[in-house]
Amino acid sequence: MNMMIYGRTFLLVLLSWMMAGCATPTPPSKEYLLMDTGLKNAQAQATQKMSVQLMPIVVANYLAGNEIVLVTKRGDVHRSQSNLWAESLSPQLTRLTQQRLEKTLPNITWFGGQRLPSYAIALLNIEVDDFYADLEGMIHISGRWQVIAATGELSASNTFEVQRKLKSDGYSTMVQTLSASWFDQVIDPMAKEIAQSFKN
């Protein structure tokens, strides 16, 4: 009889523990997407008619996950477990960059990295080394880009490095500032240089 009572008591304790574990609230995670809020106001640049393939934008490995990254000046990386990218950075940046380039360089036919035409065309490669905020409230974006002509020659290239102060705390402000800085201070200047290299 004592064994039966002990067994029932143990079972009740186990069930109570399991139910308490299930009832423990898990803080909901927030997910963010980059947004090109200035797309409709983007200014078109004149170029000759041609085709360019935008290759998938390559981001540094520490940026490749879905966690939003903060980096200290000493290089300590902090990954948020409850503030996440709804989509990893590389496809976000690639898709939105192509949309902006289609608007700013409309005479160029832009192909995505997975849609390969049957003829040789120019290539645009973009690599991102930094895309984060630090603990002092500054965002950092850096990297490089190159346009390779259909002949295989380098047509245009440059590096980019952007630092911008956040106007307020919070991940929403950080994401909005990263978005605006990417388009205003990286992609638009890049589009102007590409237009210069492909003038009529």
Protein backbone atom coordinates (compact mmCIF):
# COMPACT_ATOMS: atom_id res chain seq x y z
CA MET A 1 0.00 0.00 0.00
CA ASN A 2 2.81 2.42 0.89
CA MET A 3 4.39 1.76 -2.49
CA MET A 4 1.11 2.58 -4.23
CA ILE A 5 0.74 5.84 -2.27
CA TYR A 6 4.35 6.75 -3.02
CA GLY A 7 3.84 5.98 -6.71
CA ARG A 8 0.69 8.12 -6.90
CA THR A 9 2.39 10.98 -5.05
CA PHE A 10 5.39 10.86 -7.40
CA LEU A 11 3.07 10.83 -10.44
CA LEU A 12 1.14 13.85 -9.13
CA VAL A 13 4.34 15.77 -8.47
CA LEU A 14 5.63 14.94 -11.94
CA LEU A 15 2.37 16.01 -13.61
CA SER A 16 2.30 19.25 -11.57
CA TRP A 17 5.89 19.99 -12.59
CA MET A 18 5.16 19.33 -16.26
CA MET A 19 2.04 21.52 -16.19
CA ALA A 20 3.92 24.31 -14.44
CA GLY A 21 6.64 24.06 -17.07
CA CYS A 22 4.10 24.35 -19.87
CA ALA A 23 2.43 27.29 -18.18
CA THR A 24 5.66 29.25 -17.76
CA PRO A 25 5.31 32.24 -20.09
CA THR A 26 7.95 32.55 -22.81
CA PRO A 27 8.60 36.17 -23.79
CA PRO A 28 7.45 36.61 -27.40
CA SER A 29 10.15 37.46 -29.89
CA LYS A 30 9.86 40.48 -32.16
CA GLU A 31 10.79 40.16 -35.83
CA TYR A 32 11.88 42.97 -38.14
CA LEU A 33 12.24 43.55 -41.87
CA LEU A 34 14.24 46.23 -43.63
CA MET A 35 11.96 48.66 -45.50
CA ASP A 36 12.77 51.00 -48.38
CA THR A 37 10.49 53.86 -47.38
CA GLY A 38 12.13 56.21 -49.91
CA LEU A 39 11.62 53.98 -52.97
CA LYS A 40 8.81 56.04 -54.49
CA ASN A 41 10.93 59.22 -54.33
CA ALA A 42 14.09 57.66 -55.78
CA GLN A 43 15.57 59.67 -58.66
CA ALA A 44 16.21 57.89 -61.97
CA GLN A 45 19.67 58.09 -63.56
CA ALA A 46 20.17 57.95 -67.33
CA THR A 47 22.25 55.09 -68.74
CA GLN A 48 22.55 53.14 -71.95
CA LYS A 49 20.21 50.18 -72.33
CA MET A 50 21.89 47.03 -71.09
CA SER A 51 21.51 44.06 -68.74
CA VAL A 52 23.15 43.53 -65.34
CA GLN A 53 22.88 40.54 -63.05
CA LEU A 54 22.77 41.44 -59.34
CA MET A 55 24.46 38.57 -57.55
CA PRO A 56 23.13 37.60 -54.09
CA ILE A 57 24.59 40.07 -51.60
CA VAL A 58 27.21 38.38 -49.46
CA VAL A 59 27.22 39.24 -45.73
CA ALA A 60 29.95 38.39 -43.23
CA ASN A 61 29.38 35.09 -41.43
CA TYR A 62 28.63 36.74 -38.06
CA LEU A 63 25.69 38.53 -39.72
CA ALA A 64 24.29 35.46 -41.46
CA GLY A 65 21.93 34.30 -38.69
CA ASN A 66 18.48 35.65 -37.87
CA GLU A 67 19.55 37.30 -34.61
CA ILE A 68 19.99 41.07 -34.72
CA VAL A 69 23.59 41.81 -33.84
CA LEU A 70 25.11 44.43 -31.54
CA VAL A 71 28.90 44.81 -31.44
CA THR A 72 31.01 46.61 -28.84
CA LYS A 73 34.06 48.70 -29.69
CA ARG A 74 36.19 45.84 -28.33
CA GLY A 75 34.61 43.43 -30.81
CA ASP A 76 32.28 41.62 -28.38
CA VAL A 77 29.28 40.35 -30.36
CA HIS A 78 25.85 40.30 -28.71
CA ARG A 79 23.05 38.42 -30.48
CA SER A 80 19.51 39.22 -29.43
CA GLN A 81 17.40 36.12 -28.81
CA SER A 82 14.12 38.02 -28.74
CA ASN A 83 14.74 40.62 -31.49
CA LEU A 84 15.20 38.80 -34.77
CA TRP A 85 15.29 39.37 -38.50
CA ALA A 86 12.11 37.95 -40.01
CA GLU A 87 14.30 36.96 -42.96
CA SER A 88 18.07 36.64 -42.96
CA LEU A 89 20.01 39.69 -44.13
CA SER A 90 21.37 38.46 -47.46
CA PRO A 91 18.02 37.84 -49.23
CA GLN A 92 16.50 40.98 -47.66
CA LEU A 93 19.31 43.20 -48.88
CA THR A 94 19.42 41.54 -52.30
CA ARG A 95 15.69 41.88 -52.96
CA LEU A 96 15.38 45.47 -51.74
CA THR A 97 18.58 46.56 -53.49
CA GLN A 98 17.31 45.19 -56.80
CA GLN A 99 14.03 47.08 -56.34
CA ARG A 100 15.92 50.33 -55.68
CA LEU A 101 18.27 49.82 -58.65
CA GLU A 102 15.34 49.06 -60.95
CA LYS A 103 13.88 52.43 -59.93
CA THR A 104 17.10 54.47 -60.06
CA LEU A 105 18.61 52.83 -63.17
CA PRO A 106 15.50 52.00 -65.25
CA ASN A 107 17.33 51.63 -68.59
CA ILE A 108 19.17 48.64 -67.17
CA THR A 109 17.43 45.27 -67.14
CA TRP A 110 18.22 43.77 -63.73
CA PHE A 111 18.43 40.02 -63.29
CA GLY A 112 18.35 38.38 -59.87
CA GLY A 113 21.08 35.93 -58.89
CA GLN A 114 18.90 32.89 -59.60
CA ARG A 115 17.50 34.05 -62.95
CA LEU A 116 20.30 33.48 -65.41
CA PRO A 117 19.84 34.83 -68.93
CA SER A 118 21.15 32.80 -71.85
CA TYR A 119 23.67 35.48 -72.85
CA ALA A 120 26.68 37.09 -71.20
CA ILE A 121 25.83 40.20 -69.18
CA ALA A 122 27.52 42.47 -66.66
CA LEU A 123 27.58 41.41 -62.99
CA LEU A 124 27.17 43.51 -59.83
CA ASN A 125 28.76 42.00 -56.71
CA ILE A 126 28.16 43.51 -53.25
CA GLU A 127 29.85 42.32 -50.05
CA VAL A 128 28.82 43.54 -46.58
CA ASP A 129 31.34 43.43 -43.72
CA ASP A 130 29.37 45.44 -41.11
CA PHE A 131 25.65 45.92 -40.62
CA TYR A 132 24.97 46.51 -36.92
CA ALA A 133 24.68 49.01 -34.07
CA ASP A 134 27.15 49.42 -31.24
CA LEU A 135 26.36 49.96 -27.56
CA GLU A 136 27.04 53.71 -27.89
CA GLY A 137 24.08 54.18 -30.26
CA MET A 138 25.90 54.26 -33.61
CA ILE A 139 25.07 52.11 -36.61
CA HIS A 140 27.88 50.76 -38.78
CA ILE A 141 27.63 49.64 -42.42
CA SER A 142 30.67 48.80 -44.53
CA GLY A 143 31.71 46.70 -47.48
CA ARG A 144 32.54 46.90 -51.16
CA TRP A 145 30.99 46.49 -54.61
CA GLN A 146 32.22 45.78 -58.12
CA VAL A 147 30.62 45.85 -61.57
CA ILE A 148 32.16 43.31 -63.95
CA ALA A 149 31.43 43.97 -67.64
CA ALA A 150 30.15 41.22 -69.92
CA THR A 151 33.69 41.08 -71.33
CA GLY A 152 35.04 40.23 -67.87
CA GLU A 153 36.67 43.62 -67.28
CA LEU A 154 36.14 45.70 -64.13
CA SER A 155 33.79 48.56 -65.08
CA ALA A 156 33.32 50.23 -61.68
CA SER A 157 34.09 49.52 -58.05
CA ASN A 158 34.22 51.21 -54.68
CA THR A 159 34.05 50.65 -50.95
CA PHE A 160 31.43 52.03 -48.56
CA GLU A 161 31.59 52.90 -44.89
CA VAL A 162 28.70 54.51 -43.05
CA GLN A 163 28.36 55.54 -39.41
CA ARG A 164 25.20 57.21 -38.20
CA LYS A 165 23.88 58.15 -34.77
CA LEU A 166 20.60 56.63 -33.63
CA LYS A 167 17.99 59.26 -32.76
CA SER A 168 16.53 57.11 -29.99
CA ASP A 169 16.98 53.75 -28.28
CA GLY A 170 15.29 50.57 -29.41
CA TYR A 171 15.52 47.91 -32.07
CA SER A 172 12.84 49.55 -34.25
CA THR A 173 14.92 52.72 -34.50
CA MET A 174 18.02 50.65 -35.19
CA VAL A 175 16.34 48.77 -38.06
CA GLN A 176 14.88 51.96 -39.55
CA THR A 177 18.27 53.71 -39.39
CA LEU A 178 20.07 50.75 -40.95
CA SER A 179 17.47 50.70 -43.75
CA ALA A 180 17.66 54.42 -44.49
CA SER A 181 21.46 54.43 -44.35
CA TRP A 182 21.72 51.45 -46.71
CA PHE A 183 19.64 53.11 -49.41
CA ASP A 184 20.61 56.78 -48.94
CA GLN A 185 24.33 56.37 -48.23
CA VAL A 186 25.23 53.09 -49.95
CA ILE A 187 22.90 52.20 -52.82
CA ASP A 188 22.09 55.68 -54.18
CA PRO A 189 25.77 56.75 -54.41
CA MET A 190 26.54 53.34 -55.95
CA ALA A 191 23.79 53.84 -58.55
CA LYS A 192 25.27 57.22 -59.52
CA GLU A 193 28.71 55.69 -60.03
CA ILE A 194 27.23 52.84 -62.07
CA ALA A 195 25.32 55.38 -64.18
CA GLN A 196 28.58 57.28 -64.81
CA SER A 197 30.26 54.09 -66.02
CA PHE A 198 27.34 53.22 -68.33
CA LYS A 199 26.55 56.63 -69.81
CA ASN A 200 24.87 56.86 -73.19
